[in-house]
Amino acid sequence: MLIAHRDLTFVTASKDTLKVPVCLFAPEGSDKHWWCRYTIGWPDGTYASKGYGVDQFQAIWHTMQKIGSDIYFSDYHKAGRLYFENSGSGYGFPVPKSARNLLVGDDKRFDG
């Protein structure tokens, strides 16, 4: 079941804007083995993965961090033409501590 959705925007070299949907699905599993599926609809194809945890909260948190890492390490971010609300403001997803040096805008201000 889809529990959250956010559209990022990518501006192409020809100045066209493309939606980049990010979808987070409800935790699945039992006992101490939980996971959340997520997808990122990049312009060149949809990427699907999972984040894992010992309970539902940890699975959600780790998945959110994986989403943030996937975005910040992407070629779309590196191109400087990917944004959420405003260019350069960040994407609103957490990243692991080891990747916080990559944060920009509000992401850096609040989580850096």
PDB file of N, CA and C in Angstrom:
ATOM      1  N   MET A   1       0.834  -1.171   0.000  1.00  0.00           N
ATOM      2  CA  MET A   1       0.000   0.000   0.000  1.00  0.00           C
ATOM      3  C   MET A   1       0.888   1.247   0.000  1.00  0.00           C
ATOM      4  N   LEU A   2       0.625   2.156  -0.900  1.00  0.00           N
ATOM      5  CA  LEU A   2       1.346   3.424  -0.974  1.00  0.00           C
ATOM      6  C   LEU A   2       1.001   4.265   0.250  1.00  0.00           C
ATOM      7  N   ILE A   3       2.028   4.747   0.973  1.00  0.00           N
ATOM      8  CA  ILE A   3       1.768   5.595   2.136  1.00  0.00           C
ATOM      9  C   ILE A   3       2.254   7.022   1.946  1.00  0.00           C
ATOM     10  N   ALA A   4       3.121   7.259   0.965  1.00  0.00           N
ATOM     11  CA  ALA A   4       3.598   8.628   0.737  1.00  0.00           C
ATOM     12  C   ALA A   4       4.080   8.776  -0.701  1.00  0.00           C
ATOM     13  N   HIS A   5       3.880   9.968  -1.219  1.00  0.00           N
ATOM     14  CA  HIS A   5       4.269  10.282  -2.599  1.00  0.00           C
ATOM     15  C   HIS A   5       4.746  11.729  -2.639  1.00  0.00           C
ATOM     16  N   ARG A   6       5.808  11.966  -3.372  1.00  0.00           N
ATOM     17  CA  ARG A   6       6.321  13.323  -3.577  1.00  0.00           C
ATOM     18  C   ARG A   6       6.833  13.403  -4.998  1.00  0.00           C
ATOM     19  N   ASP A   7       6.532  14.508  -5.667  1.00  0.00           N
ATOM     20  CA  ASP A   7       7.072  14.747  -6.999  1.00  0.00           C
ATOM     21  C   ASP A   7       8.230  15.726  -6.919  1.00  0.00           C
ATOM     22  N   LEU A   8       9.401  15.296  -7.381  1.00  0.00           N
ATOM     23  CA  LEU A   8      10.514  16.200  -7.614  1.00  0.00           C
ATOM     24  C   LEU A   8      10.397  16.650  -9.059  1.00  0.00           C
ATOM     25  N   THR A   9      11.171  17.662  -9.430  1.00  0.00           N
ATOM     26  CA  THR A   9      11.158  18.158 -10.805  1.00  0.00           C
ATOM     27  C   THR A   9      12.573  18.166 -11.340  1.00  0.00           C
ATOM     28  N   PHE A  10      12.731  17.675 -12.566  1.00  0.00           N
ATOM     29  CA  PHE A  10      14.019  17.730 -13.255  1.00  0.00           C
ATOM     30  C   PHE A  10      13.863  18.605 -14.482  1.00  0.00           C
ATOM     31  N   VAL A  11      14.794  19.543 -14.648  1.00  0.00           N
ATOM     32  CA  VAL A  11      14.792  20.434 -15.809  1.00  0.00           C
ATOM     33  C   VAL A  11      15.815  19.893 -16.804  1.00  0.00           C
ATOM     34  N   THR A  12      15.352  19.553 -17.995  1.00  0.00           N
ATOM     35  CA  THR A  12      16.235  18.992 -19.018  1.00  0.00           C
ATOM     36  C   THR A  12      17.123  20.086 -19.608  1.00  0.00           C
ATOM     37  N   ALA A  13      18.112  19.675 -20.385  1.00  0.00           N
ATOM     38  CA  ALA A  13      19.004  20.635 -21.049  1.00  0.00           C
ATOM     39  C   ALA A  13      18.229  21.564 -21.973  1.00  0.00           C
ATOM     40  N   SER A  14      17.106  21.080 -22.511  1.00  0.00           N
ATOM     41  CA  SER A  14      16.284  21.921 -23.400  1.00  0.00           C
ATOM     42  C   SER A  14      15.222  22.698 -22.626  1.00  0.00           C
ATOM     43  N   LYS A  15      15.345  22.729 -21.280  1.00  0.00           N
ATOM     44  CA  LYS A  15      14.474  23.497 -20.377  1.00  0.00           C
ATOM     45  C   LYS A  15      13.078  22.907 -20.198  1.00  0.00           C
ATOM     46  N   ASP A  16      12.852  21.681 -20.656  1.00  0.00           N
ATOM     47  CA  ASP A  16      11.589  21.003 -20.365  1.00  0.00           C
ATOM     48  C   ASP A  16      11.621  20.549 -18.911  1.00  0.00           C
ATOM     49  N   THR A  17      10.464  20.506 -18.252  1.00  0.00           N
ATOM     50  CA  THR A  17      10.400  20.014 -16.878  1.00  0.00           C
ATOM     51  C   THR A  17       9.729  18.646 -16.859  1.00  0.00           C
ATOM     52  N   LEU A  18      10.353  17.740 -16.124  1.00  0.00           N
ATOM     53  CA  LEU A  18       9.851  16.375 -15.994  1.00  0.00           C
ATOM     54  C   LEU A  18       9.603  16.066 -14.525  1.00  0.00           C
ATOM     55  N   LYS A  19       8.478  15.454 -14.219  1.00  0.00           N
ATOM     56  CA  LYS A  19       8.209  15.015 -12.856  1.00  0.00           C
ATOM     57  C   LYS A  19       9.049  13.777 -12.549  1.00  0.00           C
ATOM     58  N   VAL A  20       9.555  13.750 -11.332  1.00  0.00           N
ATOM     59  CA  VAL A  20      10.296  12.592 -10.827  1.00  0.00           C
ATOM     60  C   VAL A  20       9.550  12.126  -9.576  1.00  0.00           C
ATOM     61  N   PRO A  21       8.599  11.204  -9.732  1.00  0.00           N
ATOM     62  CA  PRO A  21       7.814  10.765  -8.578  1.00  0.00           C
ATOM     63  C   PRO A  21       8.615   9.849  -7.654  1.00  0.00           C
ATOM     64  N   VAL A  22       8.473  10.110  -6.353  1.00  0.00           N
ATOM     65  CA  VAL A  22       9.083   9.273  -5.323  1.00  0.00           C
ATOM     66  C   VAL A  22       7.931   8.668  -4.523  1.00  0.00           C
ATOM     67  N   CYS A  23       7.893   7.347  -4.444  1.00  0.00           N
ATOM     68  CA  CYS A  23       6.801   6.644  -3.765  1.00  0.00           C
ATOM     69  C   CYS A  23       7.350   5.752  -2.660  1.00  0.00           C
ATOM     70  N   LEU A  24       6.717   5.827  -1.485  1.00  0.00           N
ATOM     71  CA  LEU A  24       7.075   5.002  -0.333  1.00  0.00           C
ATOM     72  C   LEU A  24       5.874   4.119  -0.002  1.00  0.00           C
ATOM     73  N   PHE A  25       6.143   2.833   0.176  1.00  0.00           N
ATOM     74  CA  PHE A  25       5.081   1.873   0.454  1.00  0.00           C
ATOM     75  C   PHE A  25       5.132   1.417   1.911  1.00  0.00           C
ATOM     76  N   ALA A  26       4.010   0.961   2.418  1.00  0.00           N
ATOM     77  CA  ALA A  26       3.871   0.554   3.817  1.00  0.00           C
ATOM     78  C   ALA A  26       4.842  -0.565   4.176  1.00  0.00           C
ATOM     79  N   PRO A  27       5.272  -0.582   5.450  1.00  0.00           N
ATOM     80  CA  PRO A  27       6.152  -1.656   5.900  1.00  0.00           C
ATOM     81  C   PRO A  27       5.497  -3.030   5.730  1.00  0.00           C
ATOM     82  N   GLU A  28       6.344  -3.996   5.420  1.00  0.00           N
ATOM     83  CA  GLU A  28       5.922  -5.394   5.305  1.00  0.00           C
ATOM     84  C   GLU A  28       6.880  -6.224   6.143  1.00  0.00           C
ATOM     85  N   GLY A  29       6.422  -7.365   6.615  1.00  0.00           N
ATOM     86  CA  GLY A  29       7.283  -8.264   7.364  1.00  0.00           C
ATOM     87  C   GLY A  29       6.643  -8.720   8.652  1.00  0.00           C
ATOM     88  N   SER A  30       7.477  -9.199   9.573  1.00  0.00           N
ATOM     89  CA  SER A  30       7.002  -9.656  10.877  1.00  0.00           C
ATOM     90  C   SER A  30       8.195  -9.819  11.811  1.00  0.00           C
ATOM     91  N   ASP A  31       7.876 -10.012  13.077  1.00  0.00           N
ATOM     92  CA  ASP A  31       8.882 -10.175  14.119  1.00  0.00           C
ATOM     93  C   ASP A  31       9.935  -9.070  14.025  1.00  0.00           C
ATOM     94  N   LYS A  32      11.178  -9.434  13.783  1.00  0.00           N
ATOM     95  CA  LYS A  32      12.257  -8.439  13.719  1.00  0.00           C
ATOM     96  C   LYS A  32      12.831  -8.306  12.316  1.00  0.00           C
ATOM     97  N   HIS A  33      11.997  -8.545  11.311  1.00  0.00           N
ATOM     98  CA  HIS A  33      12.443  -8.437   9.922  1.00  0.00           C
ATOM     99  C   HIS A  33      11.373  -7.686   9.132  1.00  0.00           C
ATOM    100  N   TRP A  34      11.604  -6.379   8.941  1.00  0.00           N
ATOM    101  CA  TRP A  34      10.648  -5.508   8.257  1.00  0.00           C
ATOM    102  C   TRP A  34      11.337  -4.798   7.104  1.00  0.00           C
ATOM    103  N   TRP A  35      10.572  -4.431   6.095  1.00  0.00           N
ATOM    104  CA  TRP A  35      11.100  -3.687   4.959  1.00  0.00           C
ATOM    105  C   TRP A  35      10.017  -2.791   4.391  1.00  0.00           C
ATOM    106  N   CYS A  36      10.455  -1.750   3.709  1.00  0.00           N
ATOM    107  CA  CYS A  36       9.566  -0.863   2.958  1.00  0.00           C
ATOM    108  C   CYS A  36      10.092  -0.791   1.537  1.00  0.00           C
ATOM    109  N   ARG A  37       9.201  -0.930   0.594  1.00  0.00           N
ATOM    110  CA  ARG A  37       9.562  -0.753  -0.809  1.00  0.00           C
ATOM    111  C   ARG A  37       9.448   0.729  -1.150  1.00  0.00           C
ATOM    112  N   TYR A  38      10.235   1.148  -2.131  1.00  0.00           N
ATOM    113  CA  TYR A  38      10.113   2.506  -2.653  1.00  0.00           C
ATOM    114  C   TYR A  38      10.497   2.518  -4.120  1.00  0.00           C
ATOM    115  N   THR A  39      10.019   3.541  -4.802  1.00  0.00           N
ATOM    116  CA  THR A  39      10.386   3.734  -6.209  1.00  0.00           C
ATOM    117  C   THR A  39      10.726   5.196  -6.437  1.00  0.00           C
ATOM    118  N   ILE A  40      11.636   5.418  -7.372  1.00  0.00           N
ATOM    119  CA  ILE A  40      11.955   6.764  -7.858  1.00  0.00           C
ATOM    120  C   ILE A  40      11.808   6.705  -9.373  1.00  0.00           C
ATOM    121  N   GLY A  41      10.929   7.516  -9.903  1.00  0.00           N
ATOM    122  CA  GLY A  41      10.655   7.517 -11.340  1.00  0.00           C
ATOM    123  C   GLY A  41      11.579   8.453 -12.090  1.00  0.00           C
ATOM    124  N   TRP A  42      12.849   8.063 -12.206  1.00  0.00           N
ATOM    125  CA  TRP A  42      13.832   8.883 -12.916  1.00  0.00           C
ATOM    126  C   TRP A  42      13.432   9.035 -14.386  1.00  0.00           C
ATOM    127  N   PRO A  43      13.880  10.106 -15.035  1.00  0.00           N
ATOM    128  CA  PRO A  43      13.564  10.282 -16.458  1.00  0.00           C
ATOM    129  C   PRO A  43      14.009   9.116 -17.348  1.00  0.00           C
ATOM    130  N   ASP A  44      15.062   8.405 -16.946  1.00  0.00           N
ATOM    131  CA  ASP A  44      15.540   7.283 -17.774  1.00  0.00           C
ATOM    132  C   ASP A  44      14.991   5.929 -17.324  1.00  0.00           C
ATOM    133  N   GLY A  45      14.067   5.925 -16.376  1.00  0.00           N
ATOM    134  CA  GLY A  45      13.449   4.679 -15.932  1.00  0.00           C
ATOM    135  C   GLY A  45      13.212   4.654 -14.438  1.00  0.00           C
ATOM    136  N   THR A  46      12.286   3.840 -14.020  1.00  0.00           N
ATOM    137  CA  THR A  46      11.935   3.746 -12.603  1.00  0.00           C
ATOM    138  C   THR A  46      12.895   2.818 -11.870  1.00  0.00           C
ATOM    139  N   TYR A  47      13.410   3.312 -10.747  1.00  0.00           N
ATOM    140  CA  TYR A  47      14.285   2.539  -9.871  1.00  0.00           C
ATOM    141  C   TYR A  47      13.441   2.062  -8.692  1.00  0.00           C
ATOM    142  N   ALA A  48      13.541   0.797  -8.336  1.00  0.00           N
ATOM    143  CA  ALA A  48      12.816   0.230  -7.204  1.00  0.00           C
ATOM    144  C   ALA A  48      13.802  -0.436  -6.252  1.00  0.00           C
ATOM    145  N   SER A  49      13.586  -0.223  -4.944  1.00  0.00           N
ATOM    146  CA  SER A  49      14.452  -0.839  -3.950  1.00  0.00           C
ATOM    147  C   SER A  49      13.676  -0.978  -2.646  1.00  0.00           C
ATOM    148  N   LYS A  50      14.389  -1.386  -1.582  1.00  0.00           N
ATOM    149  CA  LYS A  50      13.788  -1.566  -0.266  1.00  0.00           C
ATOM    150  C   LYS A  50      14.758  -1.085   0.802  1.00  0.00           C
ATOM    151  N   GLY A  51      14.206  -0.686   1.922  1.00  0.00           N
ATOM    152  CA  GLY A  51      14.977  -0.412   3.122  1.00  0.00           C
ATOM    153  C   GLY A  51      14.497  -1.360   4.210  1.00  0.00           C
ATOM    154  N   TYR A  52      15.400  -1.776   5.085  1.00  0.00           N
ATOM    155  CA  TYR A  52      15.091  -2.806   6.072  1.00  0.00           C
ATOM    156  C   TYR A  52      15.268  -2.294   7.496  1.00  0.00           C
ATOM    157  N   GLY A  53      14.593  -2.945   8.437  1.00  0.00           N
ATOM    158  CA  GLY A  53      14.736  -2.609   9.840  1.00  0.00           C
ATOM    159  C   GLY A  53      14.225  -3.723  10.725  1.00  0.00           C
ATOM    160  N   VAL A  54      14.482  -3.587  12.037  1.00  0.00           N
ATOM    161  CA  VAL A  54      14.033  -4.601  12.993  1.00  0.00           C
ATOM    162  C   VAL A  54      12.573  -4.404  13.384  1.00  0.00           C
ATOM    163  N   ASP A  55      12.015  -3.224  13.091  1.00  0.00           N
ATOM    164  CA  ASP A  55      10.590  -2.988  13.290  1.00  0.00           C
ATOM    165  C   ASP A  55      10.109  -2.034  12.201  1.00  0.00           C
ATOM    166  N   GLN A  56       8.839  -1.704  12.235  1.00  0.00           N
ATOM    167  CA  GLN A  56       8.273  -0.876  11.179  1.00  0.00           C
ATOM    168  C   GLN A  56       8.876   0.528  11.156  1.00  0.00           C
ATOM    169  N   PHE A  57       9.082   1.124  12.326  1.00  0.00           N
ATOM    170  CA  PHE A  57       9.659   2.466  12.369  1.00  0.00           C
ATOM    171  C   PHE A  57      11.058   2.496  11.762  1.00  0.00           C
ATOM    172  N   GLN A  58      11.886   1.520  12.139  1.00  0.00           N
ATOM    173  CA  GLN A  58      13.249   1.491  11.613  1.00  0.00           C
ATOM    174  C   GLN A  58      13.251   1.229  10.110  1.00  0.00           C
ATOM    175  N   ALA A  59      12.343   0.399   9.628  1.00  0.00           N
ATOM    176  CA  ALA A  59      12.257   0.145   8.185  1.00  0.00           C
ATOM    177  C   ALA A  59      11.889   1.427   7.444  1.00  0.00           C
ATOM    178  N   ILE A  60      10.943   2.187   7.986  1.00  0.00           N
ATOM    179  CA  ILE A  60      10.567   3.462   7.358  1.00  0.00           C
ATOM    180  C   ILE A  60      11.750   4.419   7.367  1.00  0.00           C
ATOM    181  N   TRP A  61      12.419   4.556   8.517  1.00  0.00           N
ATOM    182  CA  TRP A  61      13.537   5.496   8.635  1.00  0.00           C
ATOM    183  C   TRP A  61      14.680   5.119   7.682  1.00  0.00           C
ATOM    184  N   HIS A  62      15.054   3.859   7.658  1.00  0.00           N
ATOM    185  CA  HIS A  62      16.143   3.434   6.768  1.00  0.00           C
ATOM    186  C   HIS A  62      15.759   3.617   5.301  1.00  0.00           C
ATOM    187  N   THR A  63      14.504   3.386   4.987  1.00  0.00           N
ATOM    188  CA  THR A  63      14.056   3.584   3.610  1.00  0.00           C
ATOM    189  C   THR A  63      14.106   5.054   3.237  1.00  0.00           C
ATOM    190  N   MET A  64      13.692   5.921   4.140  1.00  0.00           N
ATOM    191  CA  MET A  64      13.774   7.364   3.872  1.00  0.00           C
ATOM    192  C   MET A  64      15.229   7.779   3.629  1.00  0.00           C
ATOM    193  N   GLN A  65      16.156   7.240   4.423  1.00  0.00           N
ATOM    194  CA  GLN A  65      17.570   7.551   4.228  1.00  0.00           C
ATOM    195  C   GLN A  65      18.083   7.005   2.898  1.00  0.00           C
ATOM    196  N   LYS A  66      17.621   5.834   2.500  1.00  0.00           N
ATOM    197  CA  LYS A  66      18.030   5.287   1.196  1.00  0.00           C
ATOM    198  C   LYS A  66      17.524   6.166   0.065  1.00  0.00           C
ATOM    199  N   ILE A  67      16.291   6.638   0.188  1.00  0.00           N
ATOM    200  CA  ILE A  67      15.746   7.538  -0.832  1.00  0.00           C
ATOM    201  C   ILE A  67      16.608   8.791  -0.913  1.00  0.00           C
ATOM    202  N   GLY A  68      16.897   9.401   0.238  1.00  0.00           N
ATOM    203  CA  GLY A  68      17.735  10.600   0.257  1.00  0.00           C
ATOM    204  C   GLY A  68      19.100  10.355  -0.363  1.00  0.00           C
ATOM    205  N   SER A  69      19.712   9.228  -0.038  1.00  0.00           N
ATOM    206  CA  SER A  69      21.025   8.896  -0.610  1.00  0.00           C
ATOM    207  C   SER A  69      20.940   8.688  -2.113  1.00  0.00           C
ATOM    208  N   ASP A  70      19.921   7.963  -2.553  1.00  0.00           N
ATOM    209  CA  ASP A  70      19.759   7.740  -3.994  1.00  0.00           C
ATOM    210  C   ASP A  70      19.628   9.065  -4.737  1.00  0.00           C
ATOM    211  N   ILE A  71      18.906   9.992  -4.161  1.00  0.00           N
ATOM    212  CA  ILE A  71      18.719  11.298  -4.804  1.00  0.00           C
ATOM    213  C   ILE A  71      20.028  12.074  -4.820  1.00  0.00           C
ATOM    214  N   TYR A  72      20.682  12.194  -3.656  1.00  0.00           N
ATOM    215  CA  TYR A  72      21.900  13.003  -3.580  1.00  0.00           C
ATOM    216  C   TYR A  72      23.066  12.408  -4.362  1.00  0.00           C
ATOM    217  N   PHE A  73      23.108  11.104  -4.537  1.00  0.00           N
ATOM    218  CA  PHE A  73      24.181  10.489  -5.315  1.00  0.00           C
ATOM    219  C   PHE A  73      23.834  10.347  -6.795  1.00  0.00           C
ATOM    220  N   SER A  74      22.653  10.800  -7.181  1.00  0.00           N
ATOM    221  CA  SER A  74      22.213  10.641  -8.574  1.00  0.00           C
ATOM    222  C   SER A  74      22.887  11.644  -9.511  1.00  0.00           C
ATOM    223  N   ASP A  75      22.972  11.266 -10.765  1.00  0.00           N
ATOM    224  CA  ASP A  75      23.473  12.188 -11.790  1.00  0.00           C
ATOM    225  C   ASP A  75      22.533  13.377 -11.964  1.00  0.00           C
ATOM    226  N   TYR A  76      21.254  13.200 -11.658  1.00  0.00           N
ATOM    227  CA  TYR A  76      20.285  14.296 -11.787  1.00  0.00           C
ATOM    228  C   TYR A  76      20.567  15.387 -10.760  1.00  0.00           C
ATOM    229  N   HIS A  77      20.890  14.979  -9.530  1.00  0.00           N
ATOM    230  CA  HIS A  77      21.286  15.968  -8.519  1.00  0.00           C
ATOM    231  C   HIS A  77      22.609  16.620  -8.914  1.00  0.00           C
ATOM    232  N   LYS A  78      23.567  15.805  -9.330  1.00  0.00           N
ATOM    233  CA  LYS A  78      24.887  16.329  -9.701  1.00  0.00           C
ATOM    234  C   LYS A  78      24.797  17.319 -10.853  1.00  0.00           C
ATOM    235  N   ALA A  79      23.794  17.157 -11.723  1.00  0.00           N
ATOM    236  CA  ALA A  79      23.603  18.092 -12.840  1.00  0.00           C
ATOM    237  C   ALA A  79      23.094  19.445 -12.357  1.00  0.00           C
ATOM    238  N   GLY A  80      22.573  19.504 -11.111  1.00  0.00           N
ATOM    239  CA  GLY A  80      22.089  20.763 -10.557  1.00  0.00           C
ATOM    240  C   GLY A  80      20.731  21.199 -11.093  1.00  0.00           C
ATOM    241  N   ARG A  81      20.003  20.267 -11.700  1.00  0.00           N
ATOM    242  CA  ARG A  81      18.709  20.638 -12.298  1.00  0.00           C
ATOM    243  C   ARG A  81      17.544  19.843 -11.710  1.00  0.00           C
ATOM    244  N   LEU A  82      17.752  19.253 -10.551  1.00  0.00           N
ATOM    245  CA  LEU A  82      16.704  18.511  -9.854  1.00  0.00           C
ATOM    246  C   LEU A  82      16.298  19.326  -8.636  1.00  0.00           C
ATOM    247  N   TYR A  83      14.996  19.457  -8.398  1.00  0.00           N
ATOM    248  CA  TYR A  83      14.566  20.203  -7.218  1.00  0.00           C
ATOM    249  C   TYR A  83      13.228  19.699  -6.710  1.00  0.00           C
ATOM    250  N   PHE A  84      12.913  20.114  -5.452  1.00  0.00           N
ATOM    251  CA  PHE A  84      11.618  19.781  -4.873  1.00  0.00           C
ATOM    252  C   PHE A  84      10.724  21.011  -4.987  1.00  0.00           C
ATOM    253  N   GLU A  85      10.829  21.955  -4.073  1.00  0.00           N
ATOM    254  CA  GLU A  85       9.987  23.151  -4.150  1.00  0.00           C
ATOM    255  C   GLU A  85      10.676  24.275  -4.902  1.00  0.00           C
ATOM    256  N   ASN A  86      11.941  24.477  -4.596  1.00  0.00           N
ATOM    257  CA  ASN A  86      12.728  25.531  -5.233  1.00  0.00           C
ATOM    258  C   ASN A  86      14.113  24.989  -5.539  1.00  0.00           C
ATOM    259  N   SER A  87      14.701  25.459  -6.598  1.00  0.00           N
ATOM    260  CA  SER A  87      16.035  25.020  -6.975  1.00  0.00           C
ATOM    261  C   SER A  87      17.021  25.297  -5.844  1.00  0.00           C
ATOM    262  N   GLY A  88      17.798  24.288  -5.482  1.00  0.00           N
ATOM    263  CA  GLY A  88      18.827  24.447  -4.459  1.00  0.00           C
ATOM    264  C   GLY A  88      18.333  24.369  -3.029  1.00  0.00           C
ATOM    265  N   SER A  89      17.039  24.083  -2.822  1.00  0.00           N
ATOM    266  CA  SER A  89      16.499  24.078  -1.459  1.00  0.00           C
ATOM    267  C   SER A  89      16.576  22.713  -0.780  1.00  0.00           C
ATOM    268  N   GLY A  90      16.986  21.688  -1.511  1.00  0.00           N
ATOM    269  CA  GLY A  90      17.018  20.339  -0.959  1.00  0.00           C
ATOM    270  C   GLY A  90      15.781  19.567  -1.373  1.00  0.00           C
ATOM    271  N   TYR A  91      15.671  18.356  -0.841  1.00  0.00           N
ATOM    272  CA  TYR A  91      14.606  17.449  -1.272  1.00  0.00           C
ATOM    273  C   TYR A  91      13.697  16.984  -0.141  1.00  0.00           C
ATOM    274  N   GLY A  92      14.072  17.278   1.109  1.00  0.00           N
ATOM    275  CA  GLY A  92      13.239  16.899   2.240  1.00  0.00           C
ATOM    276  C   GLY A  92      13.346  15.447   2.661  1.00  0.00           C
ATOM    277  N   PHE A  93      14.436  14.789   2.293  1.00  0.00           N
ATOM    278  CA  PHE A  93      14.667  13.407   2.709  1.00  0.00           C
ATOM    279  C   PHE A  93      15.941  13.355   3.541  1.00  0.00           C
ATOM    280  N   PRO A  94      15.949  12.554   4.622  1.00  0.00           N
ATOM    281  CA  PRO A  94      17.174  12.421   5.409  1.00  0.00           C
ATOM    282  C   PRO A  94      18.199  11.571   4.666  1.00  0.00           C
ATOM    283  N   VAL A  95      19.438  11.700   5.079  1.00  0.00           N
ATOM    284  CA  VAL A  95      20.515  10.848   4.570  1.00  0.00           C
ATOM    285  C   VAL A  95      21.307  10.342   5.774  1.00  0.00           C
ATOM    286  N   PRO A  96      22.049   9.249   5.630  1.00  0.00           N
ATOM    287  CA  PRO A  96      22.909   8.798   6.724  1.00  0.00           C
ATOM    288  C   PRO A  96      23.953   9.867   7.055  1.00  0.00           C
ATOM    289  N   LYS A  97      24.440   9.822   8.268  1.00  0.00           N
ATOM    290  CA  LYS A  97      25.419  10.806   8.730  1.00  0.00           C
ATOM    291  C   LYS A  97      26.606  10.932   7.778  1.00  0.00           C
ATOM    292  N   SER A  98      27.050   9.830   7.206  1.00  0.00           N
ATOM    293  CA  SER A  98      28.224   9.844   6.331  1.00  0.00           C
ATOM    294  C   SER A  98      27.982  10.572   5.010  1.00  0.00           C
ATOM    295  N   ALA A  99      26.738  10.902   4.692  1.00  0.00           N
ATOM    296  CA  ALA A  99      26.430  11.600   3.435  1.00  0.00           C
ATOM    297  C   ALA A  99      25.956  13.033   3.659  1.00  0.00           C
ATOM    298  N   ARG A 100      25.974  13.507   4.892  1.00  0.00           N
ATOM    299  CA  ARG A 100      25.438  14.842   5.179  1.00  0.00           C
ATOM    300  C   ARG A 100      26.243  15.969   4.543  1.00  0.00           C
ATOM    301  N   ASN A 101      27.472  15.701   4.159  1.00  0.00           N
ATOM    302  CA  ASN A 101      28.272  16.720   3.478  1.00  0.00           C
ATOM    303  C   ASN A 101      27.708  17.041   2.093  1.00  0.00           C
ATOM    304  N   LEU A 102      26.836  16.199   1.563  1.00  0.00           N
ATOM    305  CA  LEU A 102      26.237  16.417   0.240  1.00  0.00           C
ATOM    306  C   LEU A 102      24.995  17.302   0.291  1.00  0.00           C
ATOM    307  N   LEU A 103      24.437  17.505   1.481  1.00  0.00           N
ATOM    308  CA  LEU A 103      23.169  18.220   1.602  1.00  0.00           C
ATOM    309  C   LEU A 103      23.261  19.656   1.109  1.00  0.00           C
ATOM    310  N   VAL A 104      22.133  20.145   0.588  1.00  0.00           N
ATOM    311  CA  VAL A 104      22.032  21.528   0.120  1.00  0.00           C
ATOM    312  C   VAL A 104      20.778  22.167   0.710  1.00  0.00           C
ATOM    313  N   GLY A 105      20.760  23.493   0.706  1.00  0.00           N
ATOM    314  CA  GLY A 105      19.568  24.249   1.074  1.00  0.00           C
ATOM    315  C   GLY A 105      19.031  23.923   2.453  1.00  0.00           C
ATOM    316  N   ASP A 106      17.695  23.779   2.532  1.00  0.00           N
ATOM    317  CA  ASP A 106      17.054  23.488   3.809  1.00  0.00           C
ATOM    318  C   ASP A 106      17.496  22.150   4.382  1.00  0.00           C
ATOM    319  N   ASP A 107      17.792  21.184   3.534  1.00  0.00           N
ATOM    320  CA  ASP A 107      18.297  19.903   4.034  1.00  0.00           C
ATOM    321  C   ASP A 107      19.571  20.131   4.844  1.00  0.00           C
ATOM    322  N   LYS A 108      20.461  20.942   4.331  1.00  0.00           N
ATOM    323  CA  LYS A 108      21.724  21.234   5.019  1.00  0.00           C
ATOM    324  C   LYS A 108      21.471  22.053   6.279  1.00  0.00           C
ATOM    325  N   ARG A 109      20.571  23.020   6.174  1.00  0.00           N
ATOM    326  CA  ARG A 109      20.287  23.903   7.308  1.00  0.00           C
ATOM    327  C   ARG A 109      19.697  23.124   8.479  1.00  0.00           C
ATOM    328  N   PHE A 110      18.801  22.189   8.215  1.00  0.00           N
ATOM    329  CA  PHE A 110      18.125  21.469   9.286  1.00  0.00           C
ATOM    330  C   PHE A 110      18.798  20.159   9.679  1.00  0.00           C
ATOM    331  N   ASP A 111      19.469  19.492   8.749  1.00  0.00           N
ATOM    332  CA  ASP A 111      20.040  18.174   9.039  1.00  0.00           C
ATOM    333  C   ASP A 111      21.546  18.089   8.859  1.00  0.00           C
ATOM    334  N   GLY A 112      22.169  19.118   8.335  1.00  0.00           N
ATOM    335  CA  GLY A 112      23.596  19.088   8.055  1.00  0.00           C
ATOM    336  C   GLY A 112      24.393  19.242   9.285  1.00  0.00           C
TER     337      GLY A 112
END
